[in-house]
Amino acid sequence: MDSIGKVQTVDSSWSLPLPLKEYAMSRVTVYFYSDRWVPIKYCSLGKAILLHQKANLEGKEILLFPANLDPNQFSNSF
């Protein structure tokens, strides 16, 4: 959204396509980062995408991971 509340679209080759409908009920974990990954909610992928979009509109960043993946187990050195 711009400063007057108008939604802007960006044409980017970096955007990921939304998952197929058959995966909408797959369970995911919603995380935010504060010195480490903090899980805040388990829900379906469809609901998590809506939550992610709402968080972005409020200037917050959350990330979605498969329920069986803990991002804290990965090295922070790239």
Protein backbone atom coordinates (compact mmCIF):
# COMPACT_ATOMS: atom_id res chain seq x y z
CA MET A 1 0.00 0.00 0.00
CA ASP A 2 1.20 3.48 -0.70
CA SER A 3 0.86 6.49 1.64
CA ILE A 4 -2.74 7.19 0.56
CA GLY A 5 -3.91 3.60 1.06
CA LYS A 6 -3.90 2.58 -2.59
CA VAL A 7 -2.70 -0.98 -3.25
CA GLN A 8 0.28 -1.17 -5.57
CA THR A 9 1.34 -4.23 -7.49
CA VAL A 10 4.92 -5.11 -8.29
CA ASP A 11 5.89 -7.25 -11.23
CA SER A 12 8.80 -9.30 -9.94
CA SER A 13 10.50 -12.43 -11.15
CA TRP A 14 11.30 -13.20 -7.49
CA SER A 15 7.71 -13.80 -6.43
CA LEU A 16 6.73 -17.37 -5.66
CA PRO A 17 3.49 -18.83 -6.97
CA LEU A 18 0.83 -19.74 -4.43
CA PRO A 19 0.65 -23.45 -3.72
CA LEU A 20 -1.85 -25.66 -5.45
CA LYS A 21 -5.30 -25.95 -3.89
CA GLU A 22 -4.61 -29.55 -2.84
CA TYR A 23 -1.96 -28.28 -0.39
CA ALA A 24 -4.15 -25.62 1.24
CA MET A 25 -4.95 -27.86 4.21
CA SER A 26 -1.32 -28.90 4.79
CA ARG A 27 -0.15 -28.05 8.31
CA VAL A 28 2.52 -25.37 8.69
CA THR A 29 4.12 -23.45 11.53
CA VAL A 30 4.12 -19.65 11.59
CA TYR A 31 7.34 -18.12 12.97
CA PHE A 32 8.78 -14.70 13.67
CA TYR A 33 12.43 -13.93 14.33
CA SER A 34 13.73 -12.38 17.56
CA ASP A 35 17.37 -13.49 18.03
CA ARG A 36 16.06 -16.95 17.08
CA TRP A 37 13.04 -18.39 15.28
CA VAL A 38 9.99 -18.30 17.56
CA PRO A 39 6.99 -20.46 16.64
CA ILE A 40 3.72 -18.62 17.20
CA LYS A 41 1.05 -20.79 15.61
CA TYR A 42 0.27 -24.05 13.83
CA CYS A 43 -2.40 -23.83 11.15
CA SER A 44 -3.30 -24.85 7.62
CA LEU A 45 -1.28 -23.41 4.77
CA GLY A 46 -4.33 -21.57 3.44
CA LYS A 47 -4.92 -19.79 6.77
CA ALA A 48 -1.19 -19.13 7.20
CA ILE A 49 -1.01 -17.38 3.82
CA LEU A 50 -3.89 -15.10 4.84
CA LEU A 51 -2.16 -14.41 8.17
CA HIS A 52 1.09 -13.64 6.34
CA GLN A 53 -0.66 -11.17 4.03
CA LYS A 54 -2.35 -9.46 6.99
CA ALA A 55 0.95 -9.21 8.87
CA ASN A 56 2.63 -7.66 5.81
CA LEU A 57 -0.11 -5.01 5.59
CA GLU A 58 0.63 -4.13 9.22
CA GLY A 59 4.37 -3.90 8.56
CA LYS A 60 5.18 -7.16 10.37
CA GLU A 61 7.20 -10.04 9.02
CA ILE A 62 6.36 -13.64 9.69
CA LEU A 63 7.56 -16.73 7.88
CA LEU A 64 5.92 -20.07 7.24
CA PHE A 65 7.68 -23.42 7.52
CA PRO A 66 6.47 -26.99 7.17
CA ALA A 67 5.30 -28.31 10.55
CA ASN A 68 8.10 -30.89 10.68
CA LEU A 69 10.91 -28.38 10.03
CA ASP A 70 12.52 -26.39 12.86
CA PRO A 71 14.49 -23.45 11.38
CA ASN A 72 16.48 -23.16 14.63
CA GLN A 73 18.34 -26.35 13.68
CA PHE A 74 20.02 -24.68 10.70
CA SER A 75 23.31 -22.84 10.90
CA ASN A 76 23.12 -19.03 10.93
CA SER A 77 26.37 -18.77 8.98
CA PHE A 78 25.83 -18.51 5.25
